[in-house]
Amino acid sequence: MGFFSKIKEGLKKTRESISGSIETMLNTFTKIDESLFEELEELLVMGDVGMPTAMRICDELREKVKKQGVTDPQVIMEMLKDTVAELISGGEGLQIATKPSVILVIGVNGVGKTTTIGKLASRLKAEGKEVVLGAADTFRAAAIDQLEVWANRAEVDLVKRDEGSDPASVVFDTIAKAKSQHADVLICDTAGRLHNKKNLMDELGKISRILDREMPDCDKEVLLVLDAATGQNAVNQAREFKNSAGITGIVLTKLDGTAKGGVVLAIREELQLPVKFIGVGEQIDDLQPFDAHEFAEALFAGRDENDEERRAVAERIEANRRFDEYGEEISEDEA
């Protein structure tokens, strides 16, 4: 399966939720007016895009429609695709030009953090880079064991200590090994939860200070792994970590299993954080570098047929319009 096909298939549920509903809505309009933009804004919010982002998208579309003199509602979908691509583009690539470079991976338990590290290591190894992993989530024995499985699968070295060891000491050892082997990249796992949030942030701060001291001139990425299925809760998580941990980018996992992929737009717009990778499946190559234009193209690539959903959306829009314009009460049989 090609790159675009993977992204398109992975976004199927989100596309049906957002793009399908929007396409259905546009088919009920014969002209572009304020009612159309209000319906569009509502559908975007329902698709976990978030209110601030939905408002900005609609404001930009209003401006483009006016500037270009567009009158056909069917043109809106293509304009929406371009607007979304512009909104979420920028900063997608990893900044790992130095040798070695470091990638610090953080995130709460259960989001797919350790699996993401394994897949990322495999991808970098396939690109010809020498990679060393550091198992600095020492508070869960399962995390160390799981990362070791991935290290073996990707055929990269792993630095680990016993459960309960000082995470910062694991990072220190990983740096030493990466330097001695002239590795290209070291990737460090971190704890997803300690006794409380303050302890977690203090531990991340300690790790960051060691990295700054031992690798002051090296490129450093701090990637926050989020579960797309949590929708707006993912935005809240990103906001908390951004304020405390110096996040440089987002990895959004489990996009293939949720209709809440619109959260990509909210993260990019509300937090000004670039999405670096997206997870669109369980296979080792299903962690894909994020490409804003490919994402927008796949998101609005044309709906997967769902006649019942399309009919329900169309009937709701028509019922709302009739009530707004004529004050008609719509019977259950009609609506």
C-alpha atoms as a PDB file:
ATOM      1  CA  MET A   1       0.000   0.000   0.000  1.00  0.00           C
ATOM      2  CA  GLY A   2       1.422   3.388  -1.009  1.00  0.00           C
ATOM      3  CA  PHE A   3       1.976   6.380   1.263  1.00  0.00           C
ATOM      4  CA  PHE A   4      -1.175   8.243   0.285  1.00  0.00           C
ATOM      5  CA  SER A   5      -3.261   5.064   0.416  1.00  0.00           C
ATOM      6  CA  LYS A   6      -2.096   4.417   3.990  1.00  0.00           C
ATOM      7  CA  ILE A   7      -3.011   7.929   5.073  1.00  0.00           C
ATOM      8  CA  LYS A   8      -6.366   7.796   3.294  1.00  0.00           C
ATOM      9  CA  GLU A   9      -7.270   4.418   4.777  1.00  0.00           C
ATOM     10  CA  GLY A  10      -6.095   5.503   8.220  1.00  0.00           C
ATOM     11  CA  LEU A  11      -8.309   8.587   8.091  1.00  0.00           C
ATOM     12  CA  LYS A  12     -11.396   6.696   6.919  1.00  0.00           C
ATOM     13  CA  LYS A  13     -13.418   7.163  10.115  1.00  0.00           C
ATOM     14  CA  THR A  14     -12.476  10.822  10.441  1.00  0.00           C
ATOM     15  CA  ARG A  15     -13.235  11.419   6.764  1.00  0.00           C
ATOM     16  CA  GLU A  16     -16.684   9.864   7.128  1.00  0.00           C
ATOM     17  CA  SER A  17     -17.352  12.006  10.191  1.00  0.00           C
ATOM     18  CA  ILE A  18     -16.101  15.360   8.916  1.00  0.00           C
ATOM     19  CA  SER A  19     -15.755  15.340   5.137  1.00  0.00           C
ATOM     20  CA  GLY A  20     -18.834  13.204   4.526  1.00  0.00           C
ATOM     21  CA  SER A  21     -21.053  15.434   6.650  1.00  0.00           C
ATOM     22  CA  ILE A  22     -19.688  18.588   5.040  1.00  0.00           C
ATOM     23  CA  GLU A  23     -20.183  17.229   1.536  1.00  0.00           C
ATOM     24  CA  THR A  24     -23.749  16.288   2.390  1.00  0.00           C
ATOM     25  CA  MET A  25     -24.386  19.722   3.868  1.00  0.00           C
ATOM     26  CA  LEU A  26     -22.989  21.519   0.803  1.00  0.00           C
ATOM     27  CA  ASN A  27     -25.295  19.499  -1.454  1.00  0.00           C
ATOM     28  CA  THR A  28     -28.293  21.025   0.325  1.00  0.00           C
ATOM     29  CA  PHE A  29     -27.245  24.582  -0.574  1.00  0.00           C
ATOM     30  CA  THR A  30     -27.728  26.316  -3.909  1.00  0.00           C
ATOM     31  CA  LYS A  31     -25.838  29.456  -2.916  1.00  0.00           C
ATOM     32  CA  ILE A  32     -23.101  30.503  -0.513  1.00  0.00           C
ATOM     33  CA  ASP A  33     -24.562  32.477   2.386  1.00  0.00           C
ATOM     34  CA  GLU A  34     -24.070  32.914   6.118  1.00  0.00           C
ATOM     35  CA  SER A  35     -26.239  29.875   6.866  1.00  0.00           C
ATOM     36  CA  LEU A  36     -23.748  27.718   4.968  1.00  0.00           C
ATOM     37  CA  PHE A  37     -20.827  28.996   7.025  1.00  0.00           C
ATOM     38  CA  GLU A  38     -22.758  28.494  10.273  1.00  0.00           C
ATOM     39  CA  GLU A  39     -23.507  24.885   9.317  1.00  0.00           C
ATOM     40  CA  LEU A  40     -19.881  24.344   8.305  1.00  0.00           C
ATOM     41  CA  GLU A  41     -18.606  25.735  11.583  1.00  0.00           C
ATOM     42  CA  GLU A  42     -20.937  23.441  13.524  1.00  0.00           C
ATOM     43  CA  LEU A  43     -19.825  20.370  11.594  1.00  0.00           C
ATOM     44  CA  LEU A  44     -16.152  21.220  12.130  1.00  0.00           C
ATOM     45  CA  VAL A  45     -16.676  21.588  15.868  1.00  0.00           C
ATOM     46  CA  MET A  46     -18.514  18.255  15.944  1.00  0.00           C
ATOM     47  CA  GLY A  47     -15.475  16.763  14.200  1.00  0.00           C
ATOM     48  CA  ASP A  48     -13.194  17.719  17.132  1.00  0.00           C
ATOM     49  CA  VAL A  49     -11.572  20.567  15.244  1.00  0.00           C
ATOM     50  CA  GLY A  50     -12.326  22.850  18.193  1.00  0.00           C
ATOM     51  CA  MET A  51     -14.308  26.088  18.253  1.00  0.00           C
ATOM     52  CA  PRO A  52     -11.378  28.549  17.815  1.00  0.00           C
ATOM     53  CA  THR A  53     -10.024  26.595  14.843  1.00  0.00           C
ATOM     54  CA  ALA A  54     -13.451  26.131  13.250  1.00  0.00           C
ATOM     55  CA  MET A  55     -14.084  29.870  13.522  1.00  0.00           C
ATOM     56  CA  ARG A  56     -10.736  30.712  11.929  1.00  0.00           C
ATOM     57  CA  ILE A  57     -11.288  28.280   9.047  1.00  0.00           C
ATOM     58  CA  CYS A  58     -14.719  29.746   8.325  1.00  0.00           C
ATOM     59  CA  ASP A  59     -13.428  33.324   8.576  1.00  0.00           C
ATOM     60  CA  GLU A  60     -10.692  32.556   6.053  1.00  0.00           C
ATOM     61  CA  LEU A  61     -13.181  30.855   3.745  1.00  0.00           C
ATOM     62  CA  ARG A  62     -15.513  33.877   3.919  1.00  0.00           C
ATOM     63  CA  GLU A  63     -12.622  36.111   2.912  1.00  0.00           C
ATOM     64  CA  LYS A  64     -11.540  33.845   0.036  1.00  0.00           C
ATOM     65  CA  VAL A  65     -15.115  33.480  -1.240  1.00  0.00           C
ATOM     66  CA  LYS A  66     -15.565  37.244  -1.247  1.00  0.00           C
ATOM     67  CA  LYS A  67     -12.165  37.935  -2.805  1.00  0.00           C
ATOM     68  CA  GLN A  68     -12.550  35.320  -5.539  1.00  0.00           C
ATOM     69  CA  GLY A  69     -16.244  35.963  -6.177  1.00  0.00           C
ATOM     70  CA  VAL A  70     -17.140  32.303  -5.654  1.00  0.00           C
ATOM     71  CA  THR A  71     -20.883  31.532  -5.735  1.00  0.00           C
ATOM     72  CA  ASP A  72     -21.051  27.740  -6.168  1.00  0.00           C
ATOM     73  CA  PRO A  73     -21.235  25.832  -2.834  1.00  0.00           C
ATOM     74  CA  GLN A  74     -19.544  22.838  -4.450  1.00  0.00           C
ATOM     75  CA  VAL A  75     -16.321  24.831  -4.730  1.00  0.00           C
ATOM     76  CA  ILE A  76     -16.166  25.198  -0.957  1.00  0.00           C
ATOM     77  CA  MET A  77     -14.829  21.680  -0.408  1.00  0.00           C
ATOM     78  CA  GLU A  78     -11.716  22.303  -2.501  1.00  0.00           C
ATOM     79  CA  MET A  79     -11.219  25.683  -0.849  1.00  0.00           C
ATOM     80  CA  LEU A  80     -11.600  24.026   2.547  1.00  0.00           C
ATOM     81  CA  LYS A  81      -8.941  21.472   1.667  1.00  0.00           C
ATOM     82  CA  ASP A  82      -6.475  24.229   0.713  1.00  0.00           C
ATOM     83  CA  THR A  83      -7.299  26.275   3.814  1.00  0.00           C
ATOM     84  CA  VAL A  84      -6.764  23.315   6.138  1.00  0.00           C
ATOM     85  CA  ALA A  85      -3.454  22.422   4.449  1.00  0.00           C
ATOM     86  CA  GLU A  86      -2.220  25.985   4.932  1.00  0.00           C
ATOM     87  CA  LEU A  87      -3.372  25.992   8.547  1.00  0.00           C
ATOM     88  CA  ILE A  88      -1.526  22.847   9.633  1.00  0.00           C
ATOM     89  CA  SER A  89       1.644  23.129   7.551  1.00  0.00           C
ATOM     90  CA  GLY A  90       5.064  24.057   8.857  1.00  0.00           C
ATOM     91  CA  GLY A  91       7.656  22.403  11.076  1.00  0.00           C
ATOM     92  CA  GLU A  92       6.706  18.810  10.280  1.00  0.00           C
ATOM     93  CA  GLY A  93      10.223  17.454   9.737  1.00  0.00           C
ATOM     94  CA  LEU A  94      12.472  16.205  12.521  1.00  0.00           C
ATOM     95  CA  GLN A  95      15.377  18.516  13.314  1.00  0.00           C
ATOM     96  CA  ILE A  96      18.129  15.942  13.849  1.00  0.00           C
ATOM     97  CA  ALA A  97      21.031  17.195  11.730  1.00  0.00           C
ATOM     98  CA  THR A  98      23.758  16.927  14.387  1.00  0.00           C
ATOM     99  CA  LYS A  99      25.594  13.720  15.271  1.00  0.00           C
ATOM    100  CA  PRO A 100      24.386  12.656  17.686  1.00  0.00           C
ATOM    101  CA  SER A 101      20.923  14.171  17.930  1.00  0.00           C
ATOM    102  CA  VAL A 102      18.439  13.362  20.672  1.00  0.00           C
ATOM    103  CA  ILE A 103      14.719  12.635  20.643  1.00  0.00           C
ATOM    104  CA  LEU A 104      13.019  12.738  24.035  1.00  0.00           C
ATOM    105  CA  VAL A 105       9.612  11.033  23.914  1.00  0.00           C
ATOM    106  CA  ILE A 106       6.997  11.881  26.537  1.00  0.00           C
ATOM    107  CA  GLY A 107       3.296  11.226  27.098  1.00  0.00           C
ATOM    108  CA  VAL A 108       0.875   9.677  29.561  1.00  0.00           C
ATOM    109  CA  ASN A 109       0.545   5.917  29.887  1.00  0.00           C
ATOM    110  CA  GLY A 110      -1.594   4.162  27.315  1.00  0.00           C
ATOM    111  CA  VAL A 111      -1.119   6.491  24.351  1.00  0.00           C
ATOM    112  CA  GLY A 112       1.270   4.194  22.490  1.00  0.00           C
ATOM    113  CA  LYS A 113       4.496   5.915  23.542  1.00  0.00           C
ATOM    114  CA  THR A 114       6.787   2.882  23.700  1.00  0.00           C
ATOM    115  CA  THR A 115       5.406   1.459  20.458  1.00  0.00           C
ATOM    116  CA  THR A 116       5.960   4.836  18.785  1.00  0.00           C
ATOM    117  CA  ILE A 117       9.613   4.807  19.896  1.00  0.00           C
ATOM    118  CA  GLY A 118      10.085   1.345  18.438  1.00  0.00           C
ATOM    119  CA  LYS A 119       8.525   2.287  15.119  1.00  0.00           C
ATOM    120  CA  LEU A 120      10.504   5.527  14.970  1.00  0.00           C
ATOM    121  CA  ALA A 121      13.747   3.662  15.676  1.00  0.00           C
ATOM    122  CA  SER A 122      12.934   1.199  12.915  1.00  0.00           C
ATOM    123  CA  ARG A 123      12.234   4.029  10.471  1.00  0.00           C
ATOM    124  CA  LEU A 124      15.475   5.858  11.279  1.00  0.00           C
ATOM    125  CA  LYS A 125      17.466   2.614  11.074  1.00  0.00           C
ATOM    126  CA  ALA A 126      15.966   1.946   7.641  1.00  0.00           C
ATOM    127  CA  GLU A 127      17.171   5.414   6.608  1.00  0.00           C
ATOM    128  CA  GLY A 128      20.723   4.324   7.454  1.00  0.00           C
ATOM    129  CA  LYS A 129      21.025   6.015  10.841  1.00  0.00           C
ATOM    130  CA  GLU A 130      22.729   4.471  13.869  1.00  0.00           C
ATOM    131  CA  VAL A 131      20.173   4.560  16.687  1.00  0.00           C
ATOM    132  CA  VAL A 132      20.475   3.976  20.434  1.00  0.00           C
ATOM    133  CA  LEU A 133      17.409   3.655  22.697  1.00  0.00           C
ATOM    134  CA  GLY A 134      17.267   4.624  26.368  1.00  0.00           C
ATOM    135  CA  ALA A 135      14.661   2.920  28.597  1.00  0.00           C
ATOM    136  CA  ALA A 136      14.191   5.825  31.012  1.00  0.00           C
ATOM    137  CA  ASP A 137      10.630   4.847  31.955  1.00  0.00           C
ATOM    138  CA  THR A 138      11.985   2.907  34.915  1.00  0.00           C
ATOM    139  CA  PHE A 139       8.751   3.042  36.904  1.00  0.00           C
ATOM    140  CA  ARG A 140       7.121   0.298  34.820  1.00  0.00           C
ATOM    141  CA  ALA A 141       8.945  -2.981  34.257  1.00  0.00           C
ATOM    142  CA  ALA A 142       6.600  -3.632  31.345  1.00  0.00           C
ATOM    143  CA  ALA A 143       7.808  -0.454  29.623  1.00  0.00           C
ATOM    144  CA  ILE A 144      11.438  -1.611  29.786  1.00  0.00           C
ATOM    145  CA  ASP A 145      10.551  -5.093  28.531  1.00  0.00           C
ATOM    146  CA  GLN A 146       8.379  -3.730  25.733  1.00  0.00           C
ATOM    147  CA  LEU A 147      11.090  -1.339  24.569  1.00  0.00           C
ATOM    148  CA  GLU A 148      13.606  -4.195  24.569  1.00  0.00           C
ATOM    149  CA  VAL A 149      11.333  -6.177  22.253  1.00  0.00           C
ATOM    150  CA  TRP A 150      11.161  -3.212  19.873  1.00  0.00           C
ATOM    151  CA  ALA A 151      14.932  -2.656  20.060  1.00  0.00           C
ATOM    152  CA  ASN A 152      15.520  -6.272  19.032  1.00  0.00           C
ATOM    153  CA  ARG A 153      12.963  -6.004  16.246  1.00  0.00           C
ATOM    154  CA  ALA A 154      14.536  -2.812  14.901  1.00  0.00           C
ATOM    155  CA  GLU A 155      18.050  -4.174  15.499  1.00  0.00           C
ATOM    156  CA  VAL A 156      19.211  -1.180  17.525  1.00  0.00           C
ATOM    157  CA  ASP A 157      21.030  -0.984  20.870  1.00  0.00           C
ATOM    158  CA  LEU A 158      19.134  -0.440  24.121  1.00  0.00           C
ATOM    159  CA  VAL A 159      20.415   1.046  27.365  1.00  0.00           C
ATOM    160  CA  LYS A 160      18.439  -0.063  30.413  1.00  0.00           C
ATOM    161  CA  ARG A 161      18.635  -0.466  34.172  1.00  0.00           C
ATOM    162  CA  ASP A 162      16.473  -2.251  36.700  1.00  0.00           C
ATOM    163  CA  GLU A 163      12.951  -1.150  37.457  1.00  0.00           C
ATOM    164  CA  GLY A 164      12.925   1.752  39.916  1.00  0.00           C
ATOM    165  CA  SER A 165      16.338   3.091  38.859  1.00  0.00           C
ATOM    166  CA  ASP A 166      16.908   6.809  38.453  1.00  0.00           C
ATOM    167  CA  PRO A 167      15.595   7.723  34.959  1.00  0.00           C
ATOM    168  CA  ALA A 168      18.140  10.532  34.591  1.00  0.00           C
ATOM    169  CA  SER A 169      20.980   8.039  35.130  1.00  0.00           C
ATOM    170  CA  VAL A 170      19.612   5.920  32.257  1.00  0.00           C
ATOM    171  CA  VAL A 171      19.620   8.995  30.034  1.00  0.00           C
ATOM    172  CA  PHE A 172      23.211   9.746  31.089  1.00  0.00           C
ATOM    173  CA  ASP A 173      24.282   6.188  30.201  1.00  0.00           C
ATOM    174  CA  THR A 174      22.442   6.399  26.879  1.00  0.00           C
ATOM    175  CA  ILE A 175      24.295   9.600  25.989  1.00  0.00           C
ATOM    176  CA  ALA A 176      27.623   7.959  26.828  1.00  0.00           C
ATOM    177  CA  LYS A 177      26.848   4.921  24.674  1.00  0.00           C
ATOM    178  CA  ALA A 178      25.638   7.056  21.757  1.00  0.00           C
ATOM    179  CA  LYS A 179      28.839   9.105  21.868  1.00  0.00           C
ATOM    180  CA  SER A 180      31.117   6.071  22.141  1.00  0.00           C
ATOM    181  CA  GLN A 181      29.421   4.399  19.156  1.00  0.00           C
ATOM    182  CA  HIS A 182      29.253   7.620  17.129  1.00  0.00           C
ATOM    183  CA  ALA A 183      25.514   7.066  16.833  1.00  0.00           C
ATOM    184  CA  ASP A 184      23.354   9.407  14.793  1.00  0.00           C
ATOM    185  CA  VAL A 185      20.321   9.517  17.071  1.00  0.00           C
ATOM    186  CA  LEU A 186      19.496   8.558  20.631  1.00  0.00           C
ATOM    187  CA  ILE A 187      15.828   8.159  21.572  1.00  0.00           C
ATOM    188  CA  CYS A 188      14.842   8.217  25.246  1.00  0.00           C
ATOM    189  CA  ASP A 189      11.601   6.892  26.676  1.00  0.00           C
ATOM    190  CA  THR A 190      10.248   8.651  29.781  1.00  0.00           C
ATOM    191  CA  ALA A 191       7.737   7.895  32.509  1.00  0.00           C
ATOM    192  CA  GLY A 192       4.112   8.525  31.652  1.00  0.00           C
ATOM    193  CA  ARG A 193       3.052   8.910  35.259  1.00  0.00           C
ATOM    194  CA  LEU A 194       4.723   9.374  38.646  1.00  0.00           C
ATOM    195  CA  HIS A 195       3.152   9.988  42.033  1.00  0.00           C
ATOM    196  CA  ASN A 196       1.739  13.298  40.891  1.00  0.00           C
ATOM    197  CA  LYS A 197       2.056  15.735  38.008  1.00  0.00           C
ATOM    198  CA  LYS A 198       4.674  17.847  39.779  1.00  0.00           C
ATOM    199  CA  ASN A 199       6.946  14.823  40.240  1.00  0.00           C
ATOM    200  CA  LEU A 200       6.546  13.944  36.576  1.00  0.00           C
ATOM    201  CA  MET A 201       7.428  17.437  35.395  1.00  0.00           C
ATOM    202  CA  ASP A 202      10.353  17.648  37.842  1.00  0.00           C
ATOM    203  CA  GLU A 203      11.723  14.375  36.469  1.00  0.00           C
ATOM    204  CA  LEU A 204      11.400  15.604  32.882  1.00  0.00           C
ATOM    205  CA  GLY A 205      13.163  18.807  33.893  1.00  0.00           C
ATOM    206  CA  LYS A 206      16.029  16.814  35.415  1.00  0.00           C
ATOM    207  CA  ILE A 207      16.404  14.768  32.230  1.00  0.00           C
ATOM    208  CA  SER A 208      16.376  17.914  30.100  1.00  0.00           C
ATOM    209  CA  ARG A 209      19.130  19.482  32.216  1.00  0.00           C
ATOM    210  CA  ILE A 210      21.337  16.428  31.732  1.00  0.00           C
ATOM    211  CA  LEU A 211      20.775  16.541  27.984  1.00  0.00           C
ATOM    212  CA  ASP A 212      21.593  20.256  27.894  1.00  0.00           C
ATOM    213  CA  ARG A 213      24.740  19.718  29.958  1.00  0.00           C
ATOM    214  CA  GLU A 214      26.051  16.642  28.141  1.00  0.00           C
ATOM    215  CA  MET A 215      24.879  17.528  24.620  1.00  0.00           C
ATOM    216  CA  PRO A 216      24.711  21.340  24.575  1.00  0.00           C
ATOM    217  CA  ASP A 217      25.190  21.769  20.829  1.00  0.00           C
ATOM    218  CA  CYS A 218      23.127  18.814  19.653  1.00  0.00           C
ATOM    219  CA  ASP A 219      19.738  19.017  17.977  1.00  0.00           C
ATOM    220  CA  LYS A 220      16.984  18.007  20.381  1.00  0.00           C
ATOM    221  CA  GLU A 221      13.392  17.076  19.682  1.00  0.00           C
ATOM    222  CA  VAL A 222      10.877  16.695  22.517  1.00  0.00           C
ATOM    223  CA  LEU A 223       7.978  14.719  21.070  1.00  0.00           C
ATOM    224  CA  LEU A 224       4.677  14.395  22.897  1.00  0.00           C
ATOM    225  CA  VAL A 225       2.712  11.258  22.006  1.00  0.00           C
ATOM    226  CA  LEU A 226      -1.073  11.699  22.068  1.00  0.00           C
ATOM    227  CA  ASP A 227      -3.940   9.292  21.454  1.00  0.00           C
ATOM    228  CA  ALA A 228      -6.167  10.751  18.716  1.00  0.00           C
ATOM    229  CA  ALA A 229      -9.178   8.897  20.128  1.00  0.00           C
ATOM    230  CA  THR A 230      -9.209  11.211  23.162  1.00  0.00           C
ATOM    231  CA  GLY A 231     -10.141  14.170  20.962  1.00  0.00           C
ATOM    232  CA  GLN A 232     -10.147  17.480  22.798  1.00  0.00           C
ATOM    233  CA  ASN A 233      -8.594  15.829  25.860  1.00  0.00           C
ATOM    234  CA  ALA A 234      -5.475  15.395  23.728  1.00  0.00           C
ATOM    235  CA  VAL A 235      -5.410  19.164  23.229  1.00  0.00           C
ATOM    236  CA  ASN A 236      -5.592  19.662  26.988  1.00  0.00           C
ATOM    237  CA  GLN A 237      -2.748  17.189  27.550  1.00  0.00           C
ATOM    238  CA  ALA A 238      -0.631  18.952  24.962  1.00  0.00           C
ATOM    239  CA  ARG A 239      -1.313  22.306  26.617  1.00  0.00           C
ATOM    240  CA  GLU A 240      -0.129  21.041  30.015  1.00  0.00           C
ATOM    241  CA  PHE A 241       3.026  19.420  28.672  1.00  0.00           C
ATOM    242  CA  LYS A 242       3.835  22.396  26.448  1.00  0.00           C
ATOM    243  CA  ASN A 243       3.819  24.687  29.466  1.00  0.00           C
ATOM    244  CA  SER A 244       6.187  22.438  31.415  1.00  0.00           C
ATOM    245  CA  ALA A 245       8.310  20.348  29.078  1.00  0.00           C
ATOM    246  CA  GLY A 246       9.327  22.418  26.046  1.00  0.00           C
ATOM    247  CA  ILE A 247       7.493  20.324  23.461  1.00  0.00           C
ATOM    248  CA  THR A 248       8.833  20.650  19.900  1.00  0.00           C
ATOM    249  CA  GLY A 249       6.322  18.398  18.164  1.00  0.00           C
ATOM    250  CA  ILE A 250       3.441  15.951  18.398  1.00  0.00           C
ATOM    251  CA  VAL A 251       3.061  12.297  17.462  1.00  0.00           C
ATOM    252  CA  LEU A 252      -0.634  11.492  17.091  1.00  0.00           C
ATOM    253  CA  THR A 253      -1.374   7.772  17.392  1.00  0.00           C
ATOM    254  CA  LYS A 254      -4.392   5.546  16.674  1.00  0.00           C
ATOM    255  CA  LEU A 255      -5.857   7.776  13.963  1.00  0.00           C
ATOM    256  CA  ASP A 256      -7.104   4.704  12.137  1.00  0.00           C
ATOM    257  CA  GLY A 257      -9.391   3.728  15.005  1.00  0.00           C
ATOM    258  CA  THR A 258     -11.154   7.018  15.640  1.00  0.00           C
ATOM    259  CA  ALA A 259     -13.346   9.641  13.983  1.00  0.00           C
ATOM    260  CA  LYS A 260     -11.595  12.370  15.994  1.00  0.00           C
ATOM    261  CA  GLY A 261      -8.676  13.023  13.646  1.00  0.00           C
ATOM    262  CA  GLY A 262      -9.826  16.622  13.358  1.00  0.00           C
ATOM    263  CA  VAL A 263      -7.912  17.196  16.595  1.00  0.00           C
ATOM    264  CA  VAL A 264      -4.806  17.623  14.400  1.00  0.00           C
ATOM    265  CA  LEU A 265      -6.174  21.006  13.357  1.00  0.00           C
ATOM    266  CA  ALA A 266      -6.892  22.060  16.933  1.00  0.00           C
ATOM    267  CA  ILE A 267      -3.399  21.127  18.135  1.00  0.00           C
ATOM    268  CA  ARG A 268      -1.732  23.009  15.297  1.00  0.00           C
ATOM    269  CA  GLU A 269      -3.898  26.128  15.508  1.00  0.00           C
ATOM    270  CA  GLU A 270      -4.564  26.500  19.232  1.00  0.00           C
ATOM    271  CA  LEU A 271      -1.156  25.411  20.532  1.00  0.00           C
ATOM    272  CA  GLN A 272       1.076  26.236  17.555  1.00  0.00           C
ATOM    273  CA  LEU A 273       2.721  22.818  17.808  1.00  0.00           C
ATOM    274  CA  PRO A 274       3.643  20.933  14.626  1.00  0.00           C
ATOM    275  CA  VAL A 275       2.502  17.347  14.175  1.00  0.00           C
ATOM    276  CA  LYS A 276       5.599  15.336  13.247  1.00  0.00           C
ATOM    277  CA  PHE A 277       4.173  11.817  12.842  1.00  0.00           C
ATOM    278  CA  ILE A 278       0.793  10.118  12.756  1.00  0.00           C
ATOM    279  CA  GLY A 279      -0.044   6.500  13.528  1.00  0.00           C
ATOM    280  CA  VAL A 280      -2.457   4.954  11.032  1.00  0.00           C
ATOM    281  CA  GLY A 281      -2.224   1.254  11.878  1.00  0.00           C
ATOM    282  CA  GLU A 282      -0.526  -1.503  13.862  1.00  0.00           C
ATOM    283  CA  GLN A 283       2.246  -2.424  11.424  1.00  0.00           C
ATOM    284  CA  ILE A 284       5.798  -1.240  11.977  1.00  0.00           C
ATOM    285  CA  ASP A 285       5.629   1.047   8.924  1.00  0.00           C
ATOM    286  CA  ASP A 286       2.271   2.561   9.901  1.00  0.00           C
ATOM    287  CA  LEU A 287       3.954   5.442  11.748  1.00  0.00           C
ATOM    288  CA  GLN A 288       3.973   7.999   8.937  1.00  0.00           C
ATOM    289  CA  PRO A 289       5.768  11.361   8.709  1.00  0.00           C
ATOM    290  CA  PHE A 290       3.106  14.041   8.810  1.00  0.00           C
ATOM    291  CA  ASP A 291       2.538  15.914   5.560  1.00  0.00           C
ATOM    292  CA  ALA A 292      -0.020  18.711   5.795  1.00  0.00           C
ATOM    293  CA  HIS A 293      -1.050  18.604   2.142  1.00  0.00           C
ATOM    294  CA  GLU A 294      -1.297  14.799   2.066  1.00  0.00           C
ATOM    295  CA  PHE A 295      -3.340  14.901   5.279  1.00  0.00           C
ATOM    296  CA  ALA A 296      -5.769  17.509   3.919  1.00  0.00           C
ATOM    297  CA  GLU A 297      -6.029  15.631   0.622  1.00  0.00           C
ATOM    298  CA  ALA A 298      -6.820  12.363   2.416  1.00  0.00           C
ATOM    299  CA  LEU A 299      -9.238  14.048   4.819  1.00  0.00           C
ATOM    300  CA  PHE A 300     -11.279  15.552   1.974  1.00  0.00           C
ATOM    301  CA  ALA A 301     -10.602  12.890  -0.643  1.00  0.00           C
ATOM    302  CA  GLY A 302     -14.265  12.126  -1.187  1.00  0.00           C
ATOM    303  CA  ARG A 303     -16.533  10.430   1.258  1.00  0.00           C
ATOM    304  CA  ASP A 304     -16.920   6.725   1.748  1.00  0.00           C
ATOM    305  CA  GLU A 305     -20.535   5.942   1.006  1.00  0.00           C
ATOM    306  CA  ASN A 306     -22.834   5.919   4.014  1.00  0.00           C
ATOM    307  CA  ASP A 307     -26.339   6.601   2.751  1.00  0.00           C
ATOM    308  CA  GLU A 308     -27.993   6.530   6.166  1.00  0.00           C
ATOM    309  CA  GLU A 309     -25.585   9.068   7.645  1.00  0.00           C
ATOM    310  CA  ARG A 310     -25.817  11.288   4.558  1.00  0.00           C
ATOM    311  CA  ARG A 311     -29.611  11.252   4.660  1.00  0.00           C
ATOM    312  CA  ALA A 312     -29.699  12.056   8.394  1.00  0.00           C
ATOM    313  CA  VAL A 313     -27.402  15.057   7.970  1.00  0.00           C
ATOM    314  CA  ALA A 314     -29.356  16.368   4.989  1.00  0.00           C
ATOM    315  CA  GLU A 315     -32.679  16.029   6.806  1.00  0.00           C
ATOM    316  CA  ARG A 316     -31.359  17.781   9.901  1.00  0.00           C
ATOM    317  CA  ILE A 317     -30.054  20.699   7.861  1.00  0.00           C
ATOM    318  CA  GLU A 318     -33.288  21.013   5.912  1.00  0.00           C
ATOM    319  CA  ALA A 319     -35.359  20.866   9.111  1.00  0.00           C
ATOM    320  CA  ASN A 320     -33.254  23.612  10.704  1.00  0.00           C
ATOM    321  CA  ARG A 321     -33.535  25.780   7.616  1.00  0.00           C
ATOM    322  CA  ARG A 322     -37.308  25.413   7.357  1.00  0.00           C
ATOM    323  CA  PHE A 323     -37.736  26.286  11.013  1.00  0.00           C
ATOM    324  CA  ASP A 324     -35.388  29.307  10.794  1.00  0.00           C
ATOM    325  CA  GLU A 325     -36.989  30.680   7.634  1.00  0.00           C
ATOM    326  CA  TYR A 326     -40.646  29.819   8.114  1.00  0.00           C
ATOM    327  CA  GLY A 327     -41.039  29.000  11.788  1.00  0.00           C
ATOM    328  CA  GLU A 328     -42.451  25.618  10.800  1.00  0.00           C
ATOM    329  CA  GLU A 329     -42.643  22.867  13.348  1.00  0.00           C
ATOM    330  CA  ILE A 330     -41.225  19.733  11.763  1.00  0.00           C
ATOM    331  CA  SER A 331     -43.066  16.551  12.556  1.00  0.00           C
ATOM    332  CA  GLU A 332     -41.141  13.420  13.526  1.00  0.00           C
ATOM    333  CA  ASP A 333     -42.237  11.769  10.303  1.00  0.00           C
ATOM    334  CA  GLU A 334     -40.823  14.666   8.273  1.00  0.00           C
ATOM    335  CA  ALA A 335     -37.618  15.116  10.292  1.00  0.00           C
END
